[in-house]
All heavy atoms as atom14 arrays in JSON, in Angstrom:
{
  "sequence": "GSTNYAESVKGRFTISSDNAKNTLYLQMNSLKPEDTAVYYCHANNI",
  "atom14_mask": [
    [1, 1, 1, 1, 0, 0, 0, 0, 0, 0, 0, 0, 0, 0],
    [1, 1, 1, 1, 1, 1, 0, 0, 0, 0, 0, 0, 0, 0],
    [1, 1, 1, 1, 1, 1, 1, 0, 0, 0, 0, 0, 0, 0],
    [1, 1, 1, 1, 1, 1, 1, 1, 0, 0, 0, 0, 0, 0],
    [1, 1, 1, 1, 1, 1, 1, 1, 1, 1, 1, 1, 0, 0],
    [1, 1, 1, 1, 1, 0, 0, 0, 0, 0, 0, 0, 0, 0],
    [1, 1, 1, 1, 1, 1, 1, 1, 1, 0, 0, 0, 0, 0],
    [1, 1, 1, 1, 1, 1, 0, 0, 0, 0, 0, 0, 0, 0],
    [1, 1, 1, 1, 1, 1, 1, 0, 0, 0, 0, 0, 0, 0],
    [1, 1, 1, 1, 1, 1, 1, 1, 1, 0, 0, 0, 0, 0],
    [1, 1, 1, 1, 0, 0, 0, 0, 0, 0, 0, 0, 0, 0],
    [1, 1, 1, 1, 1, 1, 1, 1, 1, 1, 1, 0, 0, 0],
    [1, 1, 1, 1, 1, 1, 1, 1, 1, 1, 1, 0, 0, 0],
    [1, 1, 1, 1, 1, 1, 1, 0, 0, 0, 0, 0, 0, 0],
    [1, 1, 1, 1, 1, 1, 1, 1, 0, 0, 0, 0, 0, 0],
    [1, 1, 1, 1, 1, 1, 0, 0, 0, 0, 0, 0, 0, 0],
    [1, 1, 1, 1, 1, 1, 0, 0, 0, 0, 0, 0, 0, 0],
    [1, 1, 1, 1, 1, 1, 1, 1, 0, 0, 0, 0, 0, 0],
    [1, 1, 1, 1, 1, 1, 1, 1, 0, 0, 0, 0, 0, 0],
    [1, 1, 1, 1, 1, 0, 0, 0, 0, 0, 0, 0, 0, 0],
    [1, 1, 1, 1, 1, 1, 1, 1, 1, 0, 0, 0, 0, 0],
    [1, 1, 1, 1, 1, 1, 1, 1, 0, 0, 0, 0, 0, 0],
    [1, 1, 1, 1, 1, 1, 1, 0, 0, 0, 0, 0, 0, 0],
    [1, 1, 1, 1, 1, 1, 1, 1, 0, 0, 0, 0, 0, 0],
    [1, 1, 1, 1, 1, 1, 1, 1, 1, 1, 1, 1, 0, 0],
    [1, 1, 1, 1, 1, 1, 1, 1, 0, 0, 0, 0, 0, 0],
    [1, 1, 1, 1, 1, 1, 1, 1, 1, 0, 0, 0, 0, 0],
    [1, 1, 1, 1, 1, 1, 1, 1, 0, 0, 0, 0, 0, 0],
    [1, 1, 1, 1, 1, 1, 1, 1, 0, 0, 0, 0, 0, 0],
    [1, 1, 1, 1, 1, 1, 0, 0, 0, 0, 0, 0, 0, 0],
    [1, 1, 1, 1, 1, 1, 1, 1, 0, 0, 0, 0, 0, 0],
    [1, 1, 1, 1, 1, 1, 1, 1, 1, 0, 0, 0, 0, 0],
    [1, 1, 1, 1, 1, 1, 1, 0, 0, 0, 0, 0, 0, 0],
    [1, 1, 1, 1, 1, 1, 1, 1, 1, 0, 0, 0, 0, 0],
    [1, 1, 1, 1, 1, 1, 1, 1, 0, 0, 0, 0, 0, 0],
    [1, 1, 1, 1, 1, 1, 1, 0, 0, 0, 0, 0, 0, 0],
    [1, 1, 1, 1, 1, 0, 0, 0, 0, 0, 0, 0, 0, 0],
    [1, 1, 1, 1, 1, 1, 1, 0, 0, 0, 0, 0, 0, 0],
    [1, 1, 1, 1, 1, 1, 1, 1, 1, 1, 1, 1, 0, 0],
    [1, 1, 1, 1, 1, 1, 1, 1, 1, 1, 1, 1, 0, 0],
    [1, 1, 1, 1, 1, 1, 0, 0, 0, 0, 0, 0, 0, 0],
    [1, 1, 1, 1, 1, 1, 1, 1, 1, 1, 0, 0, 0, 0],
    [1, 1, 1, 1, 1, 0, 0, 0, 0, 0, 0, 0, 0, 0],
    [1, 1, 1, 1, 1, 1, 1, 1, 0, 0, 0, 0, 0, 0],
    [1, 1, 1, 1, 1, 1, 1, 1, 0, 0, 0, 0, 0, 0],
    [1, 1, 1, 1, 1, 1, 1, 1, 0, 0, 0, 0, 0, 0]
  ],
  "atom14_positions": [
    [[14.82, 7.54, 25.44], [15.62, 6.91, 24.39], [14.81, 5.99, 23.48], [15.33, 5.57, 22.47], [0.0, 0.0, 0.0], [0.0, 0.0, 0.0], [0.0, 0.0, 0.0], [0.0, 0.0, 0.0], [0.0, 0.0, 0.0], [0.0, 0.0, 0.0], [0.0, 0.0, 0.0], [0.0, 0.0, 0.0], [0.0, 0.0, 0.0], [0.0, 0.0, 0.0]],
    [[13.59, 5.72, 23.78], [12.79, 4.86, 22.98], [12.31, 5.56, 21.69], [12.17, 6.78, 21.72], [11.57, 4.34, 23.72], [10.75, 5.4, 24.1], [0.0, 0.0, 0.0], [0.0, 0.0, 0.0], [0.0, 0.0, 0.0], [0.0, 0.0, 0.0], [0.0, 0.0, 0.0], [0.0, 0.0, 0.0], [0.0, 0.0, 0.0], [0.0, 0.0, 0.0]],
    [[12.22, 4.8, 20.61], [11.7, 5.39, 19.36], [10.43, 4.65, 18.95], [10.2, 3.48, 19.31], [12.77, 5.28, 18.26], [13.13, 3.89, 18.09], [13.96, 6.11, 18.61], [0.0, 0.0, 0.0], [0.0, 0.0, 0.0], [0.0, 0.0, 0.0], [0.0, 0.0, 0.0], [0.0, 0.0, 0.0], [0.0, 0.0, 0.0], [0.0, 0.0, 0.0]],
    [[9.68, 5.31, 18.11], [8.4, 4.76, 17.56], [8.29, 5.16, 16.14], [8.48, 6.34, 15.84], [7.26, 5.24, 18.43], [5.91, 4.67, 17.99], [5.87, 3.5, 17.61], [4.9, 5.41, 18.06], [0.0, 0.0, 0.0], [0.0, 0.0, 0.0], [0.0, 0.0, 0.0], [0.0, 0.0, 0.0], [0.0, 0.0, 0.0], [0.0, 0.0, 0.0]],
    [[7.93, 4.18, 15.26], [7.78, 4.52, 13.84], [6.41, 4.08, 13.36], [5.9, 3.01, 13.83], [8.84, 3.79, 13.02], [10.27, 4.24, 13.24], [11.07, 3.69, 14.21], [10.82, 5.27, 12.45], [12.39, 4.1, 14.36], [12.08, 5.73, 12.63], [12.86, 5.13, 13.62], [14.14, 5.58, 13.81], [0.0, 0.0, 0.0], [0.0, 0.0, 0.0]],
    [[5.9, 4.77, 12.4], [4.67, 4.33, 11.69], [5.05, 3.06, 10.93], [6.24, 2.95, 10.43], [4.2, 5.37, 10.74], [0.0, 0.0, 0.0], [0.0, 0.0, 0.0], [0.0, 0.0, 0.0], [0.0, 0.0, 0.0], [0.0, 0.0, 0.0], [0.0, 0.0, 0.0], [0.0, 0.0, 0.0], [0.0, 0.0, 0.0], [0.0, 0.0, 0.0]],
    [[4.08, 2.14, 10.85], [4.37, 0.89, 10.15], [4.82, 1.07, 8.7], [5.68, 0.41, 8.17], [3.14, 0.0, 10.18], [2.84, -0.65, 11.51], [3.93, -1.67, 11.9], [4.5, -2.31, 10.98], [4.18, -1.78, 13.11], [0.0, 0.0, 0.0], [0.0, 0.0, 0.0], [0.0, 0.0, 0.0], [0.0, 0.0, 0.0], [0.0, 0.0, 0.0]],
    [[4.3, 2.11, 8.08], [4.54, 2.35, 6.69], [5.94, 2.83, 6.4], [6.4, 2.82, 5.24], [3.55, 3.41, 6.12], [3.68, 4.62, 6.86], [0.0, 0.0, 0.0], [0.0, 0.0, 0.0], [0.0, 0.0, 0.0], [0.0, 0.0, 0.0], [0.0, 0.0, 0.0], [0.0, 0.0, 0.0], [0.0, 0.0, 0.0], [0.0, 0.0, 0.0]],
    [[6.67, 3.31, 7.47], [8.05, 3.75, 7.24], [9.12, 2.92, 7.89], [10.33, 3.19, 7.74], [8.19, 5.25, 7.7], [7.11, 6.13, 7.01], [8.16, 5.37, 9.2], [0.0, 0.0, 0.0], [0.0, 0.0, 0.0], [0.0, 0.0, 0.0], [0.0, 0.0, 0.0], [0.0, 0.0, 0.0], [0.0, 0.0, 0.0], [0.0, 0.0, 0.0]],
    [[8.7, 1.95, 8.63], [9.66, 1.04, 9.36], [10.65, 0.44, 8.37], [10.25, -0.08, 7.29], [8.94, -0.01, 10.14], [8.38, 0.46, 11.44], [7.75, -0.7, 12.26], [7.24, -0.2, 13.57], [6.59, -1.28, 14.34], [0.0, 0.0, 0.0], [0.0, 0.0, 0.0], [0.0, 0.0, 0.0], [0.0, 0.0, 0.0], [0.0, 0.0, 0.0]],
    [[11.94, 0.51, 8.71], [12.95, -0.04, 7.83], [13.41, 0.91, 6.75], [14.39, 0.67, 6.07], [0.0, 0.0, 0.0], [0.0, 0.0, 0.0], [0.0, 0.0, 0.0], [0.0, 0.0, 0.0], [0.0, 0.0, 0.0], [0.0, 0.0, 0.0], [0.0, 0.0, 0.0], [0.0, 0.0, 0.0], [0.0, 0.0, 0.0], [0.0, 0.0, 0.0]],
    [[12.74, 2.01, 6.58], [13.09, 3.03, 5.54], [13.49, 4.31, 6.12], [14.39, 4.99, 5.58], [11.94, 3.25, 4.57], [11.5, 1.98, 3.85], [10.49, 2.29, 2.72], [9.24, 2.94, 3.29], [8.77, 4.09, 2.9], [9.41, 4.82, 2.02], [7.63, 4.54, 3.4], [0.0, 0.0, 0.0], [0.0, 0.0, 0.0], [0.0, 0.0, 0.0]],
    [[12.81, 4.73, 7.25], [13.13, 6.03, 7.86], [13.87, 5.8, 9.17], [13.63, 4.79, 9.86], [11.84, 6.77, 8.13], [11.1, 7.26, 6.84], [11.44, 6.87, 5.61], [10.04, 8.16, 7.03], [10.79, 7.38, 4.49], [9.34, 8.63, 5.96], [9.71, 8.22, 4.68], [0.0, 0.0, 0.0], [0.0, 0.0, 0.0], [0.0, 0.0, 0.0]],
    [[14.72, 6.79, 9.52], [15.39, 6.72, 10.78], [15.43, 8.09, 11.44], [15.77, 9.04, 10.81], [16.85, 6.26, 10.63], [16.9, 4.98, 10.02], [17.55, 6.18, 11.98], [0.0, 0.0, 0.0], [0.0, 0.0, 0.0], [0.0, 0.0, 0.0], [0.0, 0.0, 0.0], [0.0, 0.0, 0.0], [0.0, 0.0, 0.0], [0.0, 0.0, 0.0]],
    [[14.92, 8.14, 12.69], [14.92, 9.37, 13.46], [16.15, 9.42, 14.33], [16.55, 8.38, 14.89], [13.66, 9.51, 14.25], [13.54, 10.92, 14.89], [13.54, 8.45, 15.34], [12.15, 11.26, 15.48], [0.0, 0.0, 0.0], [0.0, 0.0, 0.0], [0.0, 0.0, 0.0], [0.0, 0.0, 0.0], [0.0, 0.0, 0.0], [0.0, 0.0, 0.0]],
    [[16.78, 10.64, 14.42], [17.97, 10.76, 15.25], [18.03, 12.19, 15.72], [17.32, 13.03, 15.22], [19.23, 10.35, 14.53], [19.45, 11.17, 13.43], [0.0, 0.0, 0.0], [0.0, 0.0, 0.0], [0.0, 0.0, 0.0], [0.0, 0.0, 0.0], [0.0, 0.0, 0.0], [0.0, 0.0, 0.0], [0.0, 0.0, 0.0], [0.0, 0.0, 0.0]],
    [[18.96, 12.44, 16.64], [19.13, 13.84, 17.15], [20.58, 14.12, 17.45], [21.37, 13.19, 17.69], [18.23, 14.04, 18.33], [18.66, 13.21, 19.41], [0.0, 0.0, 0.0], [0.0, 0.0, 0.0], [0.0, 0.0, 0.0], [0.0, 0.0, 0.0], [0.0, 0.0, 0.0], [0.0, 0.0, 0.0], [0.0, 0.0, 0.0], [0.0, 0.0, 0.0]],
    [[20.93, 15.42, 17.4], [22.23, 15.88, 17.84], [21.99, 16.92, 18.94], [21.56, 18.05, 18.61], [22.97, 16.49, 16.66], [24.39, 16.87, 16.98], [24.66, 17.17, 18.17], [25.26, 16.89, 16.02], [0.0, 0.0, 0.0], [0.0, 0.0, 0.0], [0.0, 0.0, 0.0], [0.0, 0.0, 0.0], [0.0, 0.0, 0.0], [0.0, 0.0, 0.0]],
    [[22.13, 16.49, 20.16], [21.77, 17.39, 21.28], [22.64, 18.62, 21.25], [22.19, 19.74, 21.66], [21.9, 16.65, 22.6], [20.87, 15.54, 22.69], [19.87, 15.51, 22.01], [21.09, 14.62, 23.58], [0.0, 0.0, 0.0], [0.0, 0.0, 0.0], [0.0, 0.0, 0.0], [0.0, 0.0, 0.0], [0.0, 0.0, 0.0], [0.0, 0.0, 0.0]],
    [[23.89, 18.53, 20.86], [24.83, 19.66, 20.86], [24.36, 20.74, 19.9], [24.65, 21.93, 20.04], [26.2, 19.21, 20.56], [0.0, 0.0, 0.0], [0.0, 0.0, 0.0], [0.0, 0.0, 0.0], [0.0, 0.0, 0.0], [0.0, 0.0, 0.0], [0.0, 0.0, 0.0], [0.0, 0.0, 0.0], [0.0, 0.0, 0.0], [0.0, 0.0, 0.0]],
    [[23.64, 20.32, 18.81], [23.19, 21.23, 17.79], [21.71, 21.54, 17.93], [21.14, 22.22, 17.12], [23.45, 20.66, 16.42], [24.95, 20.52, 16.1], [25.17, 19.95, 14.69], [26.59, 19.84, 14.35], [26.82, 19.29, 12.94], [0.0, 0.0, 0.0], [0.0, 0.0, 0.0], [0.0, 0.0, 0.0], [0.0, 0.0, 0.0], [0.0, 0.0, 0.0]],
    [[21.06, 21.01, 19.02], [19.62, 21.2, 19.17], [18.83, 20.84, 17.92], [17.9, 21.56, 17.51], [19.34, 22.69, 19.6], [19.89, 23.02, 20.92], [20.11, 22.16, 21.78], [20.2, 24.29, 21.15], [0.0, 0.0, 0.0], [0.0, 0.0, 0.0], [0.0, 0.0, 0.0], [0.0, 0.0, 0.0], [0.0, 0.0, 0.0], [0.0, 0.0, 0.0]],
    [[19.23, 19.74, 17.31], [18.65, 19.4, 15.98], [18.16, 18.01, 16.0], [18.77, 17.09, 16.48], [19.68, 19.56, 14.85], [20.2, 20.91, 14.86], [19.11, 19.23, 13.52], [0.0, 0.0, 0.0], [0.0, 0.0, 0.0], [0.0, 0.0, 0.0], [0.0, 0.0, 0.0], [0.0, 0.0, 0.0], [0.0, 0.0, 0.0], [0.0, 0.0, 0.0]],
    [[16.97, 17.82, 15.4], [16.32, 16.55, 15.21], [16.37, 16.2, 13.67], [16.21, 17.11, 12.86], [14.86, 16.59, 15.66], [14.09, 15.25, 15.54], [14.46, 14.26, 16.6], [12.57, 15.6, 15.63], [0.0, 0.0, 0.0], [0.0, 0.0, 0.0], [0.0, 0.0, 0.0], [0.0, 0.0, 0.0], [0.0, 0.0, 0.0], [0.0, 0.0, 0.0]],
    [[16.64, 14.95, 13.37], [16.76, 14.59, 11.94], [15.77, 13.49, 11.61], [15.29, 12.74, 12.48], [18.17, 14.06, 11.63], [19.27, 15.05, 11.93], [20.05, 14.96, 13.07], [19.56, 16.05, 10.99], [21.07, 15.84, 13.31], [20.6, 16.94, 11.25], [21.33, 16.83, 12.4], [22.35, 17.74, 12.62], [0.0, 0.0, 0.0], [0.0, 0.0, 0.0]],
    [[15.45, 13.39, 10.29], [14.7, 12.24, 9.84], [15.36, 11.85, 8.49], [15.31, 12.58, 7.51], [13.26, 12.57, 9.58], [12.36, 11.39, 9.14], [12.26, 10.4, 10.25], [11.01, 11.83, 8.67], [0.0, 0.0, 0.0], [0.0, 0.0, 0.0], [0.0, 0.0, 0.0], [0.0, 0.0, 0.0], [0.0, 0.0, 0.0], [0.0, 0.0, 0.0]],
    [[16.06, 10.74, 8.53], [16.69, 10.16, 7.3], [15.6, 9.32, 6.63], [15.12, 8.4, 7.22], [17.87, 9.37, 7.69], [18.53, 8.72, 6.46], [19.15, 9.71, 5.49], [19.8, 10.67, 5.91], [18.93, 9.5, 4.22], [0.0, 0.0, 0.0], [0.0, 0.0, 0.0], [0.0, 0.0, 0.0], [0.0, 0.0, 0.0], [0.0, 0.0, 0.0]],
    [[15.3, 9.64, 5.37], [14.3, 8.96, 4.64], [14.93, 8.27, 3.43], [15.45, 8.96, 2.52], [13.18, 9.89, 4.22], [12.58, 10.7, 5.38], [11.18, 11.75, 4.88], [12.01, 12.91, 3.8], [0.0, 0.0, 0.0], [0.0, 0.0, 0.0], [0.0, 0.0, 0.0], [0.0, 0.0, 0.0], [0.0, 0.0, 0.0], [0.0, 0.0, 0.0]],
    [[14.89, 7.01, 3.36], [15.4, 6.2, 2.28], [14.33, 5.45, 1.53], [13.23, 5.26, 2.06], [16.47, 5.24, 2.76], [17.65, 5.88, 3.44], [18.02, 7.03, 3.09], [18.23, 5.26, 4.44], [0.0, 0.0, 0.0], [0.0, 0.0, 0.0], [0.0, 0.0, 0.0], [0.0, 0.0, 0.0], [0.0, 0.0, 0.0], [0.0, 0.0, 0.0]],
    [[14.59, 5.0, 0.37], [13.62, 4.23, -0.43], [12.27, 4.92, -0.47], [11.22, 4.27, -0.26], [13.5, 2.81, 0.18], [14.68, 2.15, 0.24], [0.0, 0.0, 0.0], [0.0, 0.0, 0.0], [0.0, 0.0, 0.0], [0.0, 0.0, 0.0], [0.0, 0.0, 0.0], [0.0, 0.0, 0.0], [0.0, 0.0, 0.0], [0.0, 0.0, 0.0]],
    [[12.28, 6.18, -0.79], [11.07, 6.94, -0.78], [10.08, 6.45, -1.86], [10.48, 6.1, -2.93], [11.41, 8.47, -0.95], [11.92, 9.15, 0.3], [12.66, 10.43, -0.03], [10.81, 9.4, 1.25], [0.0, 0.0, 0.0], [0.0, 0.0, 0.0], [0.0, 0.0, 0.0], [0.0, 0.0, 0.0], [0.0, 0.0, 0.0], [0.0, 0.0, 0.0]],
    [[8.77, 6.54, -1.45], [7.71, 6.16, -2.36], [6.83, 7.38, -2.63], [6.77, 8.29, -1.84], [6.92, 5.07, -1.69], [7.75, 3.89, -1.24], [6.85, 2.86, -0.47], [7.65, 1.65, 0.01], [6.8, 0.69, 0.75], [0.0, 0.0, 0.0], [0.0, 0.0, 0.0], [0.0, 0.0, 0.0], [0.0, 0.0, 0.0], [0.0, 0.0, 0.0]],
    [[6.05, 7.31, -3.72], [5.13, 8.43, -4.0], [4.16, 8.66, -2.81], [3.79, 9.85, -2.6], [4.37, 7.93, -5.24], [5.39, 7.08, -5.97], [6.14, 6.41, -4.82], [0.0, 0.0, 0.0], [0.0, 0.0, 0.0], [0.0, 0.0, 0.0], [0.0, 0.0, 0.0], [0.0, 0.0, 0.0], [0.0, 0.0, 0.0], [0.0, 0.0, 0.0]],
    [[3.79, 7.65, -2.13], [2.85, 7.81, -0.98], [3.51, 8.5, 0.23], [2.81, 8.78, 1.19], [2.24, 6.49, -0.59], [3.26, 5.36, -0.34], [3.43, 4.5, -1.56], [3.48, 4.99, -2.74], [3.48, 3.22, -1.38], [0.0, 0.0, 0.0], [0.0, 0.0, 0.0], [0.0, 0.0, 0.0], [0.0, 0.0, 0.0], [0.0, 0.0, 0.0]],
    [[4.78, 8.71, 0.15], [5.43, 9.53, 1.21], [5.31, 11.0, 1.01], [5.7, 11.81, 1.84], [6.92, 9.15, 1.26], [7.22, 7.72, 1.69], [6.48, 7.23, 2.68], [8.07, 7.06, 1.14], [0.0, 0.0, 0.0], [0.0, 0.0, 0.0], [0.0, 0.0, 0.0], [0.0, 0.0, 0.0], [0.0, 0.0, 0.0], [0.0, 0.0, 0.0]],
    [[4.74, 11.39, -0.15], [4.55, 12.81, -0.45], [3.63, 13.47, 0.56], [2.51, 12.96, 0.79], [3.94, 12.95, -1.88], [4.9, 12.47, -2.86], [3.61, 14.44, -2.17], [0.0, 0.0, 0.0], [0.0, 0.0, 0.0], [0.0, 0.0, 0.0], [0.0, 0.0, 0.0], [0.0, 0.0, 0.0], [0.0, 0.0, 0.0], [0.0, 0.0, 0.0]],
    [[4.12, 14.53, 1.16], [3.31, 15.2, 2.19], [4.13, 16.39, 2.7], [5.29, 16.56, 2.33], [3.08, 14.23, 3.41], [0.0, 0.0, 0.0], [0.0, 0.0, 0.0], [0.0, 0.0, 0.0], [0.0, 0.0, 0.0], [0.0, 0.0, 0.0], [0.0, 0.0, 0.0], [0.0, 0.0, 0.0], [0.0, 0.0, 0.0], [0.0, 0.0, 0.0]],
    [[3.49, 17.18, 3.52], [4.22, 18.23, 4.34], [4.64, 17.61, 5.61], [3.8, 16.98, 6.31], [3.36, 19.44, 4.53], [4.15, 20.44, 5.44], [2.92, 20.09, 3.26], [0.0, 0.0, 0.0], [0.0, 0.0, 0.0], [0.0, 0.0, 0.0], [0.0, 0.0, 0.0], [0.0, 0.0, 0.0], [0.0, 0.0, 0.0], [0.0, 0.0, 0.0]],
    [[5.88, 17.67, 5.9], [6.44, 17.05, 7.12], [6.69, 18.16, 8.2], [7.25, 19.18, 7.91], [7.76, 16.34, 6.8], [7.57, 15.04, 6.12], [7.1, 14.97, 4.74], [7.79, 13.81, 6.68], [6.85, 13.79, 4.06], [7.58, 12.59, 6.07], [7.14, 12.58, 4.79], [6.88, 11.38, 4.14], [0.0, 0.0, 0.0], [0.0, 0.0, 0.0]],
    [[6.18, 17.83, 9.38], [6.24, 18.74, 10.48], [7.05, 18.19, 11.6], [6.93, 17.04, 12.02], [4.8, 19.04, 10.99], [3.91, 19.73, 10.02], [3.06, 18.94, 9.2], [3.84, 21.08, 9.93], [2.23, 19.53, 8.27], [2.93, 21.73, 9.07], [2.15, 20.96, 8.24], [1.3, 21.57, 7.38], [0.0, 0.0, 0.0], [0.0, 0.0, 0.0]],
    [[7.89, 19.04, 12.23], [8.61, 18.73, 13.39], [7.73, 19.0, 14.6], [7.02, 20.06, 14.65], [9.88, 19.59, 13.45], [10.93, 19.27, 14.88], [0.0, 0.0, 0.0], [0.0, 0.0, 0.0], [0.0, 0.0, 0.0], [0.0, 0.0, 0.0], [0.0, 0.0, 0.0], [0.0, 0.0, 0.0], [0.0, 0.0, 0.0], [0.0, 0.0, 0.0]],
    [[7.8, 18.16, 15.59], [7.0, 18.32, 16.8], [7.8, 18.12, 18.07], [8.72, 17.23, 18.05], [5.82, 17.34, 16.77], [5.07, 17.28, 18.06], [5.26, 16.25, 18.99], [4.02, 18.04, 18.55], [4.4, 16.44, 20.02], [3.68, 17.51, 19.76], [0.0, 0.0, 0.0], [0.0, 0.0, 0.0], [0.0, 0.0, 0.0], [0.0, 0.0, 0.0]],
    [[7.51, 18.87, 19.08], [8.18, 18.72, 20.38], [7.13, 18.88, 21.5], [6.18, 19.61, 21.38], [9.26, 19.72, 20.57], [0.0, 0.0, 0.0], [0.0, 0.0, 0.0], [0.0, 0.0, 0.0], [0.0, 0.0, 0.0], [0.0, 0.0, 0.0], [0.0, 0.0, 0.0], [0.0, 0.0, 0.0], [0.0, 0.0, 0.0], [0.0, 0.0, 0.0]],
    [[7.31, 18.07, 22.5], [6.41, 18.05, 23.63], [7.16, 18.09, 24.95], [8.11, 17.27, 25.1], [5.52, 16.8, 23.55], [4.63, 16.59, 24.77], [5.08, 15.97, 25.71], [3.47, 17.18, 24.78], [0.0, 0.0, 0.0], [0.0, 0.0, 0.0], [0.0, 0.0, 0.0], [0.0, 0.0, 0.0], [0.0, 0.0, 0.0], [0.0, 0.0, 0.0]],
    [[6.76, 18.94, 25.86], [7.4, 18.97, 27.16], [6.36, 18.61, 28.22], [6.5, 19.05, 29.41], [8.1, 20.29, 27.47], [7.04, 21.41, 27.55], [5.86, 21.22, 27.39], [7.55, 22.63, 27.8], [0.0, 0.0, 0.0], [0.0, 0.0, 0.0], [0.0, 0.0, 0.0], [0.0, 0.0, 0.0], [0.0, 0.0, 0.0], [0.0, 0.0, 0.0]],
    [[5.36, 17.8, 27.89], [4.25, 17.31, 28.69], [3.23, 18.37, 28.82], [2.03, 18.08, 28.6], [4.74, 16.85, 30.1], [5.73, 15.62, 29.93], [3.56, 16.4, 30.93], [6.25, 15.09, 31.2], [0.0, 0.0, 0.0], [0.0, 0.0, 0.0], [0.0, 0.0, 0.0], [0.0, 0.0, 0.0], [0.0, 0.0, 0.0], [0.0, 0.0, 0.0]]
  ]
}
């Protein structure tokens, strides 16, 4: 249940999930030009 954010996005981005839909979300607010990038979803099972 713990979350971790890059310093540059703290307070602007929020990560969440819907287990019933097998879906991970990233809500991004107050976007800046420096947020421009390709965003990748990642999963790890150790």
